[in-house]
């Protein structure tokens, strides 16, 4: 699962650092990322695309820490953003705005203005109303907005309903059959420059076929547009390549490209991709400590210091993520546990029915925690968000300090004294 995780003397190491040492130094819970894994996962795309004209735009929403963004920017990544906040993070991290694509169904005029001012690569427009607002806003700013329409190819990605995004009933994109008409409308707009087509059919796809079907449908549209005199500069196939969480049969990036690239043979358009999870998920871990062991007569509970506010995926998506002790406990007897957190919700669990040999005080590691993990964390139950650490060889860097109570109440105000 983690090619940068290894075992020495019955202890888990990330790259050259013992996880126990990280927990001692930074406390638990905390997120830990491998710079080497991030690099390997990005280079898998870069190498598989080879000579093909391309732009790899990392989906910032999956993990938006600025040190993660900086690591990818240095490798030449572009970025797929869905808010002005994500744009500002990319800029703080040294990302190149001309390699940024702006997705999302509810962009505001202010967000559009900021993106136009810094000169992003293009707006992935998701509706006719958004196109009208963008044309008007660009006109007010005396700028031309580069536009790609996000079309909905109605391909079933056969993934979790919350993360399937390419069906007619989803909120994203424009119906592919209505797209030519909207492209023609866009082509007449004074402050719009039509540059591409975009689709994104879902997340955690473990089968290549839906991508191939989507590209087939995009290419039919691209050829249709050519007959209307609209020539595109890029085709954006989105992201969504799945990763190994449990025992999924996951295709490699090389396998995916081997099937996708022949479809584009002889075509001039730049290929844009928006990988997120496949770059970060298996580059990250969540460390936690067992506070108490509890048995209610029916079940064993390992009550840990990490909760659903730190790691929402199991509660939200019923996500299965591997959990293991970071050191072998030879005194512990193996038993079946639910690993649960301190948050006052029955849904606050990180894992169910896991065989673990642990006692109170032991530290655990949740794998595949680099994507949609810290990024979705909250302060529910007034819990400060946890620290994030980047491992680089034998060095560790604190890339986000653990929040304090002062951070929790920043901006809040008491009412004035009553007379």
Protein backbone atom coordinates (compact mmCIF):
# COMPACT_ATOMS: atom_id res chain seq x y z
CA UNK A 1 0.00 0.00 0.00
CA UNK A 2 2.71 2.45 1.01
CA UNK A 3 5.92 1.71 -0.82
CA UNK A 4 7.61 4.22 1.50
CA UNK A 5 6.46 2.39 4.68
CA UNK A 6 8.72 -0.36 6.01
CA UNK A 7 9.20 -2.39 9.20
CA UNK A 8 12.43 -2.43 11.24
CA UNK A 9 12.71 -4.09 14.66
CA UNK A 10 8.92 -4.53 14.78
CA UNK A 11 8.38 -0.76 14.29
CA UNK A 12 6.85 1.00 11.26
CA UNK A 13 8.98 3.57 9.41
CA UNK A 14 7.91 6.17 6.83
CA UNK A 15 10.89 6.68 4.53
CA UNK A 16 13.79 6.87 7.04
CA UNK A 17 11.85 7.90 10.16
CA UNK A 18 10.17 5.73 12.81
CA UNK A 19 6.49 6.62 13.20
CA UNK A 20 6.92 6.26 16.96
CA UNK A 21 9.56 9.01 16.89
CA UNK A 22 7.17 11.27 14.95
CA UNK A 23 4.41 10.64 17.52
CA UNK A 24 6.86 11.38 20.36
CA UNK A 25 8.00 14.63 18.77
CA UNK A 26 4.73 16.04 17.42
CA UNK A 27 2.06 14.29 19.51
CA UNK A 28 -1.06 12.48 18.33
CA UNK A 29 -3.29 12.62 16.43
CA UNK A 30 -1.27 13.90 13.48
CA UNK A 31 -1.10 13.48 9.73
CA UNK A 32 2.22 12.43 8.21
CA UNK A 33 3.07 12.63 4.50
CA UNK A 34 5.92 11.19 2.45
CA UNK A 35 7.61 13.62 0.05
CA UNK A 36 9.08 10.65 -1.81
CA UNK A 37 5.64 9.05 -2.34
CA UNK A 38 4.14 12.33 -3.59
CA UNK A 39 7.01 12.64 -6.05
CA UNK A 40 6.71 9.02 -7.25
CA UNK A 41 2.97 9.32 -7.79
CA UNK A 42 3.27 12.56 -9.78
CA UNK A 43 6.15 11.22 -11.88
CA UNK A 44 4.09 8.12 -12.75
CA UNK A 45 1.74 10.46 -14.67
CA UNK A 46 4.52 12.54 -16.15
CA UNK A 47 6.44 9.49 -17.35
CA UNK A 48 3.35 7.68 -18.68
CA UNK A 49 2.38 10.77 -20.73
CA UNK A 50 5.88 10.96 -22.18
CA UNK A 51 6.09 13.05 -25.34
CA UNK A 52 2.35 13.70 -25.49
CA UNK A 53 1.56 17.42 -25.06
CA UNK A 54 -0.03 17.49 -21.61
CA UNK A 55 -0.75 19.37 -18.39
CA UNK A 56 -1.21 17.52 -15.08
CA UNK A 57 -3.43 19.66 -12.83
CA UNK A 58 -3.44 18.31 -9.29
CA UNK A 59 -6.91 18.46 -7.68
CA UNK A 60 -6.18 20.74 -4.73
CA UNK A 61 -9.33 19.70 -2.84
CA UNK A 62 -7.87 16.28 -2.05
CA UNK A 63 -5.07 17.75 0.11
CA UNK A 64 -4.50 21.49 0.11
CA UNK A 65 -1.56 21.88 2.52
CA UNK A 66 0.76 24.47 0.97
CA UNK A 67 3.87 22.27 1.46
CA UNK A 68 2.12 19.48 -0.48
CA UNK A 69 1.24 22.00 -3.22
CA UNK A 70 4.82 23.35 -3.19
CA UNK A 71 6.24 19.82 -3.60
CA UNK A 72 4.04 19.25 -6.67
CA UNK A 73 4.60 22.74 -8.11
CA UNK A 74 8.37 22.13 -8.04
CA UNK A 75 7.78 18.99 -10.12
CA UNK A 76 5.95 21.09 -12.74
CA UNK A 77 2.36 20.38 -11.73
CA UNK A 78 -0.56 22.54 -12.65
CA UNK A 79 -3.56 22.73 -10.33
CA UNK A 80 -7.31 22.08 -10.49
CA UNK A 81 -9.06 24.44 -8.07
CA UNK A 82 -12.67 24.85 -6.95
CA UNK A 83 -12.51 28.09 -4.92
CA UNK A 84 -10.65 31.36 -4.54
CA UNK A 85 -9.16 29.99 -1.31
CA UNK A 86 -7.58 27.12 -3.23
CA UNK A 87 -6.25 29.59 -5.81
CA UNK A 88 -4.58 31.65 -3.06
CA UNK A 89 -3.04 28.47 -1.60
CA UNK A 90 -1.58 27.58 -5.01
CA UNK A 91 -0.08 31.07 -5.32
CA UNK A 92 1.37 30.94 -1.76
CA UNK A 93 2.94 27.57 -2.62
CA UNK A 94 4.69 28.98 -5.70
CA UNK A 95 2.30 27.43 -8.21
CA UNK A 96 2.05 28.86 -11.72
CA UNK A 97 -1.38 30.51 -12.27
CA UNK A 98 -1.10 29.89 -16.01
CA UNK A 99 -1.30 26.15 -15.21
CA UNK A 100 -4.49 26.49 -13.11
CA UNK A 101 -7.93 25.27 -14.18
CA UNK A 102 -10.90 26.54 -12.17
CA UNK A 103 -13.71 23.98 -11.70
CA UNK A 104 -16.86 24.11 -9.57
CA UNK A 105 -20.55 24.79 -10.08
CA UNK A 106 -20.95 27.98 -8.03
CA UNK A 107 -18.12 30.37 -8.88
CA UNK A 108 -18.85 33.93 -7.76
CA UNK A 109 -18.06 37.12 -9.68
CA UNK A 110 -15.38 37.97 -7.08
CA UNK A 111 -13.71 34.58 -7.58
CA UNK A 112 -13.84 35.07 -11.34
CA UNK A 113 -12.25 38.53 -11.02
CA UNK A 114 -9.34 37.22 -8.94
CA UNK A 115 -8.73 34.31 -11.32
CA UNK A 116 -8.79 36.66 -14.33
CA UNK A 117 -6.39 39.06 -12.59
CA UNK A 118 -3.74 36.38 -11.95
CA UNK A 119 -4.15 34.86 -15.43
CA UNK A 120 -5.32 31.28 -14.95
CA UNK A 121 -5.19 28.70 -17.77
CA UNK A 122 -8.96 28.34 -18.03
CA UNK A 123 -12.36 28.26 -16.35
CA UNK A 124 -14.16 24.90 -16.47
CA UNK A 125 -17.64 26.35 -16.95
CA UNK A 126 -20.50 24.19 -15.67
CA UNK A 127 -23.68 25.99 -16.80
CA UNK A 128 -25.05 28.58 -19.22
CA UNK A 129 -25.74 30.96 -16.30
CA UNK A 130 -22.10 30.74 -15.24
CA UNK A 131 -20.98 31.45 -18.81
CA UNK A 132 -23.14 34.61 -18.89
CA UNK A 133 -21.75 35.82 -15.54
CA UNK A 134 -18.16 35.11 -16.60
CA UNK A 135 -18.59 37.01 -19.88
CA UNK A 136 -20.07 39.98 -18.04
CA UNK A 137 -17.40 39.93 -15.31
CA UNK A 138 -14.55 39.63 -17.80
CA UNK A 139 -16.07 42.55 -19.73
CA UNK A 140 -16.11 44.71 -16.60
CA UNK A 141 -12.44 43.82 -16.03
CA UNK A 142 -11.53 44.43 -19.67
CA UNK A 143 -10.23 40.87 -19.98
CA UNK A 144 -10.89 37.81 -22.09
CA UNK A 145 -11.80 34.68 -20.09
CA UNK A 146 -10.39 31.37 -21.42
CA UNK A 147 -13.17 28.78 -21.19
CA UNK A 148 -13.61 25.04 -21.30
CA UNK A 149 -17.11 23.62 -20.93
CA UNK A 150 -17.50 20.78 -18.46
CA UNK A 151 -19.74 18.33 -20.24
CA UNK A 152 -21.57 15.47 -18.65
CA UNK A 153 -21.00 12.38 -20.81
CA UNK A 154 -23.57 10.31 -18.81
CA UNK A 155 -21.03 7.57 -18.13
CA UNK A 156 -21.66 5.46 -15.04
CA UNK A 157 -18.40 5.35 -13.10
CA UNK A 158 -19.90 2.62 -10.85
CA UNK A 159 -18.40 4.15 -7.74
CA UNK A 160 -19.90 5.42 -4.46
CA UNK A 161 -22.97 7.61 -5.21
CA UNK A 162 -21.46 10.58 -3.33
CA UNK A 163 -18.37 10.60 -5.59
CA UNK A 164 -19.95 9.66 -8.92
CA UNK A 165 -20.18 12.90 -10.89
CA UNK A 166 -20.77 12.06 -14.57
CA UNK A 167 -24.41 10.98 -14.61
CA UNK A 168 -27.35 13.08 -15.83
CA UNK A 169 -28.76 13.33 -12.32
CA UNK A 170 -25.54 14.79 -10.86
CA UNK A 171 -25.25 18.56 -10.26
CA UNK A 172 -22.07 18.92 -12.33
CA UNK A 173 -21.52 19.94 -15.93
CA UNK A 174 -23.65 20.47 -19.04
CA UNK A 175 -25.50 17.65 -20.84
CA UNK A 176 -23.16 16.56 -23.66
CA UNK A 177 -26.07 16.64 -26.14
CA UNK A 178 -26.80 20.29 -25.31
CA UNK A 179 -23.11 21.26 -25.41
CA UNK A 180 -22.74 22.20 -29.13
CA UNK A 181 -25.44 24.86 -28.78
CA UNK A 182 -23.73 26.30 -25.68
CA UNK A 183 -20.33 26.26 -27.42
CA UNK A 184 -21.83 28.23 -30.31
CA UNK A 185 -23.26 30.73 -27.82
CA UNK A 186 -19.87 31.00 -26.06
CA UNK A 187 -18.08 31.56 -29.38
CA UNK A 188 -20.18 34.70 -30.00
CA UNK A 189 -19.44 36.23 -26.58
CA UNK A 190 -17.09 39.21 -26.65
CA UNK A 191 -15.14 38.42 -23.51
CA UNK A 192 -14.97 34.62 -23.82
CA UNK A 193 -12.28 32.61 -25.59
CA UNK A 194 -13.31 28.96 -26.05
CA UNK A 195 -10.20 26.83 -25.49
CA UNK A 196 -11.27 23.35 -24.42
CA UNK A 197 -13.64 20.67 -23.23
CA UNK A 198 -13.65 19.05 -19.81
CA UNK A 199 -15.33 16.15 -18.06
CA UNK A 200 -14.99 14.43 -14.70
CA UNK A 201 -17.00 11.25 -14.24
CA UNK A 202 -16.21 10.40 -10.61
CA UNK A 203 -13.66 9.48 -8.01
CA UNK A 204 -12.03 6.20 -6.91
CA UNK A 205 -12.52 4.48 -10.29
CA UNK A 206 -10.85 1.07 -10.39
CA UNK A 207 -11.83 0.25 -13.96
CA UNK A 208 -10.36 2.00 -17.03
CA UNK A 209 -13.40 1.40 -19.26
CA UNK A 210 -15.49 4.39 -18.02
CA UNK A 211 -12.57 6.75 -18.84
CA UNK A 212 -12.30 5.27 -22.34
CA UNK A 213 -16.08 5.58 -22.87
CA UNK A 214 -15.96 9.20 -21.66
CA UNK A 215 -13.07 10.04 -24.01
CA UNK A 216 -14.93 8.42 -26.94
CA UNK A 217 -17.91 10.68 -26.24
CA UNK A 218 -15.71 13.75 -25.82
CA UNK A 219 -14.00 13.09 -29.17
CA UNK A 220 -17.37 12.81 -30.95
CA UNK A 221 -18.21 16.24 -29.51
CA UNK A 222 -14.80 17.70 -30.44
CA UNK A 223 -15.26 16.58 -34.07
CA UNK A 224 -18.83 17.95 -34.08
CA UNK A 225 -17.51 21.32 -32.87
CA UNK A 226 -14.89 21.34 -35.64
CA UNK A 227 -17.67 21.14 -38.24
CA UNK A 228 -19.17 24.22 -36.54
CA UNK A 229 -15.86 26.04 -36.90
CA UNK A 230 -14.92 25.75 -33.21
CA UNK A 231 -11.41 24.37 -32.78
CA UNK A 232 -10.33 23.42 -29.26
CA UNK A 233 -6.82 23.65 -27.81
CA UNK A 234 -7.23 21.06 -25.08
CA UNK A 235 -9.23 18.03 -23.93
CA UNK A 236 -9.51 17.58 -20.16
CA UNK A 237 -10.42 14.02 -19.08
CA UNK A 238 -10.59 15.01 -15.39
CA UNK A 239 -9.30 12.83 -12.55
CA UNK A 240 -10.67 9.89 -10.67
CA UNK A 241 -8.16 7.04 -11.00
CA UNK A 242 -8.67 4.88 -7.92
CA UNK A 243 -6.12 3.83 -5.33
CA UNK A 244 -5.57 0.77 -3.17
CA UNK A 245 -7.35 1.03 0.18
CA UNK A 246 -8.12 -2.61 0.90
CA UNK A 247 -7.86 -5.20 -1.86
CA UNK A 248 -9.10 -3.31 -4.91
CA UNK A 249 -7.65 -4.36 -8.25
CA UNK A 250 -6.32 -0.92 -9.20
CA UNK A 251 -4.92 -0.17 -12.66
CA UNK A 252 -1.58 1.64 -12.81
CA UNK A 253 -1.24 5.06 -14.40
CA UNK A 254 0.84 3.40 -17.14
CA UNK A 255 -2.00 0.92 -17.88
CA UNK A 256 -4.50 3.77 -18.01
CA UNK A 257 -2.36 5.83 -20.40
CA UNK A 258 -1.65 2.79 -22.59
CA UNK A 259 -5.41 2.60 -23.28
CA UNK A 260 -6.20 6.32 -23.34
CA UNK A 261 -3.38 7.75 -25.47
CA UNK A 262 -4.12 5.67 -28.62
CA UNK A 263 -7.56 7.35 -28.73
CA UNK A 264 -5.80 10.70 -29.19
CA UNK A 265 -3.48 9.46 -31.95
CA UNK A 266 -3.12 12.17 -34.60
CA UNK A 267 -4.95 14.79 -32.56
CA UNK A 268 -3.27 18.13 -31.81
CA UNK A 269 -5.07 19.05 -28.57
CA UNK A 270 -3.19 19.17 -25.25
CA UNK A 271 -4.36 16.45 -22.85
CA UNK A 272 -5.21 17.82 -19.41
CA UNK A 273 -5.66 15.52 -16.42
CA UNK A 274 -6.84 16.39 -12.89
CA UNK A 275 -5.55 13.64 -10.56
CA UNK A 276 -6.06 14.16 -6.82
CA UNK A 277 -6.51 11.03 -4.73
CA UNK A 278 -4.09 9.01 -6.89
CA UNK A 279 -1.27 11.45 -6.02
CA UNK A 280 -1.90 11.96 -2.30
CA UNK A 281 -3.99 9.15 -0.75
CA UNK A 282 -1.19 6.64 -0.37
CA UNK A 283 1.37 9.32 0.46
CA UNK A 284 -0.23 9.98 3.87
CA UNK A 285 -0.89 8.39 7.26
CA UNK A 286 -2.91 9.35 10.35
CA UNK A 287 -1.24 8.55 13.68
CA UNK A 288 -3.35 8.11 16.83
CA UNK A 289 -3.08 6.70 20.34
CA UNK A 290 -5.34 4.21 22.13
CA UNK A 291 -6.77 5.98 25.19
CA UNK A 292 -8.91 3.15 26.55
CA UNK A 293 -9.89 -0.42 25.76
CA UNK A 294 -13.58 -1.02 26.47
CA UNK A 295 -15.77 -4.12 26.28
CA UNK A 296 -19.55 -3.77 26.50
CA UNK A 297 -20.22 -7.51 26.61
CA UNK A 298 -20.94 -7.56 22.86
CA UNK A 299 -17.99 -5.72 21.36
CA UNK A 300 -14.44 -4.59 22.02
CA UNK A 301 -13.76 -0.92 21.45
CA UNK A 302 -10.34 0.67 20.99
CA UNK A 303 -11.10 4.27 21.95
CA UNK A 304 -8.48 6.51 20.30
CA UNK A 305 -7.61 10.21 20.38
CA UNK A 306 -8.51 10.75 16.69
CA UNK A 307 -12.15 11.26 15.79
CA UNK A 308 -14.49 11.78 12.85
CA UNK A 309 -13.68 15.50 12.95
CA UNK A 310 -10.06 14.54 12.08
CA UNK A 311 -10.96 11.71 9.67
CA UNK A 312 -14.47 11.85 8.20
CA UNK A 313 -14.12 9.31 5.39
CA UNK A 314 -15.22 6.16 7.28
CA UNK A 315 -18.34 7.91 8.67
CA UNK A 316 -19.19 9.77 5.45
CA UNK A 317 -18.38 7.20 2.76
CA UNK A 318 -18.20 4.00 4.84
CA UNK A 319 -14.59 4.04 3.66
CA UNK A 320 -12.41 1.08 4.62
CA UNK A 321 -8.88 2.17 5.57
CA UNK A 322 -6.25 -0.12 7.02
CA UNK A 323 -5.27 0.43 10.68
CA UNK A 324 -2.20 -1.16 12.27
CA UNK A 325 -0.15 -0.69 15.48
CA UNK A 326 3.04 1.28 14.77
CA UNK A 327 4.98 -1.04 17.10
CA UNK A 328 4.37 -4.73 17.75
CA UNK A 329 3.00 -5.27 21.26
CA UNK A 330 4.15 -8.77 22.30
CA UNK A 331 2.18 -8.57 25.57
CA UNK A 332 -1.18 -7.93 23.89
CA UNK A 333 -3.72 -10.60 22.96
CA UNK A 334 -5.29 -10.31 19.50
CA UNK A 335 -8.99 -9.46 19.49
CA UNK A 336 -11.61 -7.96 17.17
CA UNK A 337 -12.07 -4.23 17.77
CA UNK A 338 -14.08 -1.29 16.55
CA UNK A 339 -11.68 1.68 16.51
CA UNK A 340 -13.71 4.66 17.69
CA UNK A 341 -13.01 8.30 18.54
CA UNK A 342 -13.94 10.85 21.22
CA UNK A 343 -16.62 12.70 19.23
CA UNK A 344 -20.15 12.50 20.64
CA UNK A 345 -21.74 10.75 17.67
CA UNK A 346 -22.47 7.04 17.18
CA UNK A 347 -21.05 7.49 13.67
CA UNK A 348 -17.65 8.43 15.11
CA UNK A 349 -15.62 5.41 14.05
CA UNK A 350 -12.37 5.01 12.11
CA UNK A 351 -12.59 1.25 11.58
CA UNK A 352 -14.90 -1.63 12.43
CA UNK A 353 -14.23 -5.31 13.18
CA UNK A 354 -10.44 -5.19 12.95
CA UNK A 355 -8.16 -7.84 14.38
CA UNK A 356 -5.59 -6.01 16.54
CA UNK A 357 -3.16 -6.99 19.31
CA UNK A 358 -3.19 -3.79 21.39
CA UNK A 359 -3.44 -2.34 24.87
CA UNK A 360 -4.18 1.18 26.14
CA UNK A 361 -1.32 3.55 25.32
CA UNK A 362 -0.41 1.84 22.04
CA UNK A 363 -0.20 3.99 18.93
CA UNK A 364 -1.98 3.12 15.72
CA UNK A 365 -1.50 4.20 12.13
CA UNK A 366 -4.30 4.62 9.60
CA UNK A 367 -3.04 4.12 6.07
CA UNK A 368 -4.09 5.80 2.80
CA UNK A 369 -4.87 9.01 4.69
CA UNK A 370 -3.33 11.59 2.34
CA UNK A 371 -6.49 12.46 0.36
CA UNK A 372 -9.87 13.79 1.53
CA UNK A 373 -8.68 13.38 5.10
CA UNK A 374 -7.15 16.47 6.72
CA UNK A 375 -8.83 18.47 3.92
CA UNK A 376 -12.27 17.46 5.27
CA UNK A 377 -11.42 17.84 8.96
CA UNK A 378 -13.37 20.21 11.20
CA UNK A 379 -13.49 21.66 14.70
CA UNK A 380 -16.63 19.73 15.68
CA UNK A 381 -16.84 19.25 19.47
CA UNK A 382 -14.42 22.21 19.72
CA UNK A 383 -11.51 19.96 18.84
CA UNK A 384 -8.43 21.74 17.47
CA UNK A 385 -7.33 20.49 14.06
CA UNK A 386 -4.23 18.31 14.20
CA UNK A 387 -0.63 18.83 13.12
CA UNK A 388 0.64 17.85 9.66
CA UNK A 389 4.21 16.63 9.14
CA UNK A 390 6.18 16.02 5.93
CA UNK A 391 8.87 13.32 5.95
CA UNK A 392 11.76 13.80 3.55
CA UNK A 393 14.27 10.95 3.84
CA UNK A 394 15.44 11.02 7.45
CA UNK A 395 14.14 14.55 8.09
CA UNK A 396 10.73 15.67 9.32
CA UNK A 397 9.17 19.09 8.77
CA UNK A 398 6.17 20.50 10.64
CA UNK A 399 4.03 21.76 7.76
CA UNK A 400 1.01 22.73 9.88
CA UNK A 401 1.11 23.47 13.59
CA UNK A 402 -1.52 21.85 15.77
CA UNK A 403 -4.33 24.35 16.44
CA UNK A 404 -4.69 25.94 19.86
CA UNK A 405 -7.78 26.99 21.79
CA UNK A 406 -6.97 30.57 20.71
CA UNK A 407 -7.17 29.40 17.08
CA UNK A 408 -10.55 27.80 17.81
CA UNK A 409 -12.18 31.02 19.02
CA UNK A 410 -10.38 33.49 16.77
CA UNK A 411 -12.94 35.92 15.40
CA UNK A 412 -15.60 35.06 17.98
CA UNK A 413 -16.88 37.83 20.25
CA UNK A 414 -18.77 37.94 23.55
CA UNK A 415 -21.89 40.10 23.72
CA UNK A 416 -21.51 43.47 25.52
CA UNK A 417 -22.17 43.54 29.29
CA UNK A 418 -25.83 43.83 30.19
CA UNK A 419 -26.84 47.10 31.97
